[in-house]
Amino acid sequence: MEQIIGPLTKIGRFLLALPMAVFGILHFMAADNMAPMVPIPGGAIWVYITGVALIAAAVSIIMQKKARLASTLLAILLLIFVFAIHLPGVMAGGDGAQMSMMSLLKDVAIAGGALVYAGTQPID
């Protein structure tokens, strides 16, 4: 069974980390567009901090250095997005509600995957 689980975990590691790295880069490329979505004062600075966090998590997961901690913190970050950004958008209704719901479900799914991955990693 380990002959199957090992390669799948490696593939899953990259499927989790690479999109997070891209999302992190996009935070730097579109900070001004994302800043109005930030629900706390500071706008663009929080977008940049989030970009750094996403890239750091991706690097940690790919390099398998503190991967358990990184994937757990990534899941927490994504769940913060769910409750602070996406859920209010869904609750507001209107034209943006469907897009908010898609983002909410995407972040919940990725957070779940990050927690599953965290469970496969040794405690550092």
C-alpha atoms as a PDB file:
ATOM      1  CA  MET A   1       0.000   0.000   0.000  1.00  0.00           C
ATOM      2  CA  GLU A   2       2.898   2.369   0.768  1.00  0.00           C
ATOM      3  CA  GLN A   3       3.971   1.926  -2.865  1.00  0.00           C
ATOM      4  CA  ILE A   4       0.775   3.735  -3.841  1.00  0.00           C
ATOM      5  CA  ILE A   5       0.430   6.225  -0.963  1.00  0.00           C
ATOM      6  CA  GLY A   6       3.994   7.582  -1.231  1.00  0.00           C
ATOM      7  CA  PRO A   7       3.773   8.734  -4.863  1.00  0.00           C
ATOM      8  CA  LEU A   8       0.236  10.052  -4.363  1.00  0.00           C
ATOM      9  CA  THR A   9       1.360  12.124  -1.382  1.00  0.00           C
ATOM     10  CA  LYS A  10       4.218  13.551  -3.445  1.00  0.00           C
ATOM     11  CA  ILE A  11       1.874  14.465  -6.309  1.00  0.00           C
ATOM     12  CA  GLY A  12      -0.612  15.913  -3.816  1.00  0.00           C
ATOM     13  CA  ARG A  13       2.151  17.987  -2.233  1.00  0.00           C
ATOM     14  CA  PHE A  14       2.858  19.682  -5.549  1.00  0.00           C
ATOM     15  CA  LEU A  15      -0.834  20.040  -6.426  1.00  0.00           C
ATOM     16  CA  LEU A  16      -1.295  21.887  -3.132  1.00  0.00           C
ATOM     17  CA  ALA A  17       1.856  23.997  -3.186  1.00  0.00           C
ATOM     18  CA  LEU A  18       2.093  25.187  -6.778  1.00  0.00           C
ATOM     19  CA  PRO A  19      -1.299  26.944  -6.933  1.00  0.00           C
ATOM     20  CA  MET A  20      -0.551  28.582  -3.566  1.00  0.00           C
ATOM     21  CA  ALA A  21       2.711  29.957  -4.988  1.00  0.00           C
ATOM     22  CA  VAL A  22       0.825  31.311  -8.010  1.00  0.00           C
ATOM     23  CA  PHE A  23      -1.857  32.837  -5.765  1.00  0.00           C
ATOM     24  CA  GLY A  24       0.927  34.440  -3.707  1.00  0.00           C
ATOM     25  CA  ILE A  25       2.528  35.936  -6.803  1.00  0.00           C
ATOM     26  CA  LEU A  26      -0.860  37.207  -7.983  1.00  0.00           C
ATOM     27  CA  HIS A  27      -1.244  39.010  -4.649  1.00  0.00           C
ATOM     28  CA  PHE A  28       1.807  41.076  -5.581  1.00  0.00           C
ATOM     29  CA  MET A  29       0.688  41.645  -9.150  1.00  0.00           C
ATOM     30  CA  ALA A  30      -2.849  42.760  -8.281  1.00  0.00           C
ATOM     31  CA  ALA A  31      -2.535  44.217  -4.786  1.00  0.00           C
ATOM     32  CA  ASP A  32      -4.411  47.401  -5.666  1.00  0.00           C
ATOM     33  CA  ASN A  33      -7.340  45.417  -7.054  1.00  0.00           C
ATOM     34  CA  MET A  34      -7.453  43.121  -4.012  1.00  0.00           C
ATOM     35  CA  ALA A  35      -7.030  45.827  -1.363  1.00  0.00           C
ATOM     36  CA  PRO A  36     -10.736  46.834  -1.298  1.00  0.00           C
ATOM     37  CA  MET A  37     -11.658  43.257  -0.285  1.00  0.00           C
ATOM     38  CA  VAL A  38      -9.568  43.449   2.898  1.00  0.00           C
ATOM     39  CA  PRO A  39     -12.014  43.769   5.807  1.00  0.00           C
ATOM     40  CA  ILE A  40      -9.535  45.478   8.167  1.00  0.00           C
ATOM     41  CA  PRO A  41      -7.567  48.728   7.910  1.00  0.00           C
ATOM     42  CA  GLY A  42      -4.321  48.522   6.007  1.00  0.00           C
ATOM     43  CA  GLY A  43      -5.600  47.442   2.608  1.00  0.00           C
ATOM     44  CA  ALA A  44      -2.709  46.668   0.279  1.00  0.00           C
ATOM     45  CA  ILE A  45      -0.208  45.899   3.048  1.00  0.00           C
ATOM     46  CA  TRP A  46      -2.381  42.938   4.106  1.00  0.00           C
ATOM     47  CA  VAL A  47      -2.533  41.761   0.502  1.00  0.00           C
ATOM     48  CA  TYR A  48       1.291  41.790   0.366  1.00  0.00           C
ATOM     49  CA  ILE A  49       1.573  39.987   3.721  1.00  0.00           C
ATOM     50  CA  THR A  50      -0.884  37.368   2.493  1.00  0.00           C
ATOM     51  CA  GLY A  51       1.149  36.964  -0.704  1.00  0.00           C
ATOM     52  CA  VAL A  52       4.288  36.350   1.334  1.00  0.00           C
ATOM     53  CA  ALA A  53       2.443  33.830   3.524  1.00  0.00           C
ATOM     54  CA  LEU A  54       1.131  31.907   0.515  1.00  0.00           C
ATOM     55  CA  ILE A  55       4.554  31.778  -1.138  1.00  0.00           C
ATOM     56  CA  ALA A  56       6.251  30.790   2.130  1.00  0.00           C
ATOM     57  CA  ALA A  57       3.747  27.968   2.649  1.00  0.00           C
ATOM     58  CA  ALA A  58       4.300  26.733  -0.900  1.00  0.00           C
ATOM     59  CA  VAL A  59       8.083  26.734  -0.537  1.00  0.00           C
ATOM     60  CA  SER A  60       7.903  24.978   2.820  1.00  0.00           C
ATOM     61  CA  ILE A  61       5.547  22.309   1.495  1.00  0.00           C
ATOM     62  CA  ILE A  62       7.611  21.686  -1.647  1.00  0.00           C
ATOM     63  CA  MET A  63      10.892  21.537   0.289  1.00  0.00           C
ATOM     64  CA  GLN A  64       9.272  19.504   3.086  1.00  0.00           C
ATOM     65  CA  LYS A  65      10.738  21.761   5.743  1.00  0.00           C
ATOM     66  CA  LYS A  66       8.217  22.435   8.511  1.00  0.00           C
ATOM     67  CA  ALA A  67       5.575  21.194   6.044  1.00  0.00           C
ATOM     68  CA  ARG A  68       3.169  20.119   8.795  1.00  0.00           C
ATOM     69  CA  LEU A  69       3.231  23.582  10.356  1.00  0.00           C
ATOM     70  CA  ALA A  70       3.090  25.346   6.982  1.00  0.00           C
ATOM     71  CA  SER A  71       0.111  23.365   5.718  1.00  0.00           C
ATOM     72  CA  THR A  72      -1.737  23.799   9.022  1.00  0.00           C
ATOM     73  CA  LEU A  73      -1.154  27.556   8.957  1.00  0.00           C
ATOM     74  CA  LEU A  74      -2.184  27.633   5.294  1.00  0.00           C
ATOM     75  CA  ALA A  75      -5.475  25.953   6.207  1.00  0.00           C
ATOM     76  CA  ILE A  76      -6.043  28.501   8.982  1.00  0.00           C
ATOM     77  CA  LEU A  77      -5.320  31.387   6.584  1.00  0.00           C
ATOM     78  CA  LEU A  78      -7.750  30.000   4.022  1.00  0.00           C
ATOM     79  CA  LEU A  79     -10.463  29.558   6.659  1.00  0.00           C
ATOM     80  CA  ILE A  80      -9.940  33.158   7.734  1.00  0.00           C
ATOM     81  CA  PHE A  81     -10.574  34.127   4.093  1.00  0.00           C
ATOM     82  CA  VAL A  82     -13.740  32.024   4.137  1.00  0.00           C
ATOM     83  CA  PHE A  83     -15.208  33.726   7.197  1.00  0.00           C
ATOM     84  CA  ALA A  84     -13.853  37.263   6.742  1.00  0.00           C
ATOM     85  CA  ILE A  85     -14.136  37.749   2.970  1.00  0.00           C
ATOM     86  CA  HIS A  86     -16.173  35.106   1.161  1.00  0.00           C
ATOM     87  CA  LEU A  87     -19.014  34.424   3.616  1.00  0.00           C
ATOM     88  CA  PRO A  88     -19.953  38.116   3.931  1.00  0.00           C
ATOM     89  CA  GLY A  89     -20.021  38.257   0.118  1.00  0.00           C
ATOM     90  CA  VAL A  90     -22.343  35.269  -0.014  1.00  0.00           C
ATOM     91  CA  MET A  91     -24.585  36.698   2.704  1.00  0.00           C
ATOM     92  CA  ALA A  92     -24.811  40.056   0.937  1.00  0.00           C
ATOM     93  CA  GLY A  93     -26.458  38.393  -2.043  1.00  0.00           C
ATOM     94  CA  GLY A  94     -26.675  40.226  -5.323  1.00  0.00           C
ATOM     95  CA  ASP A  95     -24.538  39.792  -8.398  1.00  0.00           C
ATOM     96  CA  GLY A  96     -21.340  38.853  -6.553  1.00  0.00           C
ATOM     97  CA  ALA A  97     -22.866  36.171  -4.329  1.00  0.00           C
ATOM     98  CA  GLN A  98     -22.252  33.306  -6.743  1.00  0.00           C
ATOM     99  CA  MET A  99     -18.591  34.281  -7.229  1.00  0.00           C
ATOM    100  CA  SER A 100     -18.188  34.587  -3.455  1.00  0.00           C
ATOM    101  CA  MET A 101     -19.721  31.136  -3.010  1.00  0.00           C
ATOM    102  CA  MET A 102     -17.289  29.627  -5.538  1.00  0.00           C
ATOM    103  CA  SER A 103     -14.355  31.251  -3.739  1.00  0.00           C
ATOM    104  CA  LEU A 104     -15.694  30.089  -0.376  1.00  0.00           C
ATOM    105  CA  LEU A 105     -15.998  26.486  -1.542  1.00  0.00           C
ATOM    106  CA  LYS A 106     -12.564  26.573  -3.226  1.00  0.00           C
ATOM    107  CA  ASP A 107     -10.884  27.827  -0.066  1.00  0.00           C
ATOM    108  CA  VAL A 108     -12.719  25.300   2.129  1.00  0.00           C
ATOM    109  CA  ALA A 109     -11.614  22.479  -0.192  1.00  0.00           C
ATOM    110  CA  ILE A 110      -7.988  23.649  -0.280  1.00  0.00           C
ATOM    111  CA  ALA A 111      -7.977  24.081   3.508  1.00  0.00           C
ATOM    112  CA  GLY A 112      -9.245  20.512   3.837  1.00  0.00           C
ATOM    113  CA  GLY A 113      -6.519  19.251   1.524  1.00  0.00           C
ATOM    114  CA  ALA A 114      -3.895  21.192   3.459  1.00  0.00           C
ATOM    115  CA  LEU A 115      -5.068  19.622   6.726  1.00  0.00           C
ATOM    116  CA  VAL A 116      -5.045  16.128   5.201  1.00  0.00           C
ATOM    117  CA  TYR A 117      -1.506  16.763   3.951  1.00  0.00           C
ATOM    118  CA  ALA A 118      -0.491  18.084   7.372  1.00  0.00           C
ATOM    119  CA  GLY A 119      -1.670  14.810   8.855  1.00  0.00           C
ATOM    120  CA  THR A 120       0.754  12.878   6.649  1.00  0.00           C
ATOM    121  CA  GLN A 121       3.766  14.853   7.825  1.00  0.00           C
ATOM    122  CA  PRO A 122       5.976  14.104  10.817  1.00  0.00           C
ATOM    123  CA  ILE A 123       6.072  16.548  13.700  1.00  0.00           C
ATOM    124  CA  ASP A 124       9.252  18.607  13.238  1.00  0.00           C
END
